[in-house]
Amino acid sequence: CSCEGRRVNCWKKGLHSVPDGIPANT
């Protein structure tokens, strides 16, 4: 996941997510 300080948003969705909660493939 690529989350800037918001890893919670990452593992909650179970996919690569940005701080905004938008799925990213980067």
N, C-alpha and C. Protein backbone atom coordinates (compact mmCIF):
# COMPACT_ATOMS: atom_id res chain seq x y z
N CYS A 1 0.84 -1.21 0.00
CA CYS A 1 0.00 0.00 0.00
C CYS A 1 0.87 1.25 0.00
N SER A 2 0.39 2.29 -0.59
CA SER A 2 1.10 3.56 -0.48
C SER A 2 0.21 4.57 0.23
N CYS A 3 0.38 4.65 1.55
CA CYS A 3 -0.43 5.57 2.32
C CYS A 3 0.50 6.48 3.08
N GLU A 4 0.26 7.77 3.02
CA GLU A 4 1.14 8.71 3.71
C GLU A 4 0.63 8.98 5.11
N GLY A 5 1.06 8.14 6.05
CA GLY A 5 0.69 8.37 7.44
C GLY A 5 -0.67 7.78 7.78
N ARG A 6 -1.43 7.38 6.79
CA ARG A 6 -2.75 6.81 7.06
C ARG A 6 -2.80 5.36 6.62
N ARG A 7 -2.09 4.52 7.35
CA ARG A 7 -2.05 3.10 6.99
C ARG A 7 -3.39 2.45 7.29
N VAL A 8 -4.12 3.04 8.23
CA VAL A 8 -5.43 2.49 8.60
C VAL A 8 -6.34 2.43 7.39
N ASN A 9 -6.28 3.49 6.59
CA ASN A 9 -7.11 3.56 5.39
C ASN A 9 -6.68 2.49 4.40
N CYS A 10 -5.44 2.06 4.53
CA CYS A 10 -4.88 1.08 3.61
C CYS A 10 -5.39 -0.31 3.92
N TRP A 11 -5.13 -0.78 5.13
CA TRP A 11 -5.51 -2.16 5.46
C TRP A 11 -7.00 -2.33 5.56
N LYS A 12 -7.72 -1.24 5.79
CA LYS A 12 -9.18 -1.34 5.85
C LYS A 12 -9.74 -1.71 4.49
N LYS A 13 -9.20 -1.11 3.46
CA LYS A 13 -9.67 -1.40 2.11
C LYS A 13 -9.02 -2.66 1.57
N GLY A 14 -7.86 -2.99 2.11
CA GLY A 14 -7.17 -4.20 1.67
C GLY A 14 -6.58 -4.02 0.28
N LEU A 15 -6.30 -2.79 -0.10
CA LEU A 15 -5.70 -2.54 -1.40
C LEU A 15 -4.86 -1.29 -1.33
N HIS A 16 -4.19 -0.98 -2.42
CA HIS A 16 -3.35 0.20 -2.45
C HIS A 16 -4.22 1.45 -2.41
N SER A 17 -4.07 2.22 -1.35
CA SER A 17 -4.90 3.41 -1.23
C SER A 17 -4.07 4.60 -0.82
N VAL A 18 -4.44 5.75 -1.32
CA VAL A 18 -3.78 6.99 -0.94
C VAL A 18 -4.51 7.55 0.26
N PRO A 19 -3.92 8.54 0.94
CA PRO A 19 -4.52 9.15 2.13
C PRO A 19 -5.97 9.57 1.90
N ASP A 20 -6.33 9.86 0.67
CA ASP A 20 -7.69 10.30 0.37
C ASP A 20 -8.64 9.12 0.28
N GLY A 21 -8.06 7.91 0.29
CA GLY A 21 -8.90 6.72 0.20
C GLY A 21 -9.15 6.32 -1.23
N ILE A 22 -8.39 6.92 -2.14
CA ILE A 22 -8.55 6.60 -3.55
C ILE A 22 -7.60 5.47 -3.94
N PRO A 23 -8.13 4.38 -4.48
CA PRO A 23 -7.31 3.25 -4.90
C PRO A 23 -6.25 3.66 -5.92
N ALA A 24 -4.99 3.35 -5.62
CA ALA A 24 -3.91 3.72 -6.53
C ALA A 24 -3.08 2.50 -6.87
N ASN A 25 -2.61 2.42 -8.08
CA ASN A 25 -1.83 1.28 -8.52
C ASN A 25 -0.35 1.60 -8.48
N THR A 26 0.01 2.70 -7.86
CA THR A 26 1.40 3.13 -7.84
C THR A 26 2.08 2.48 -6.66
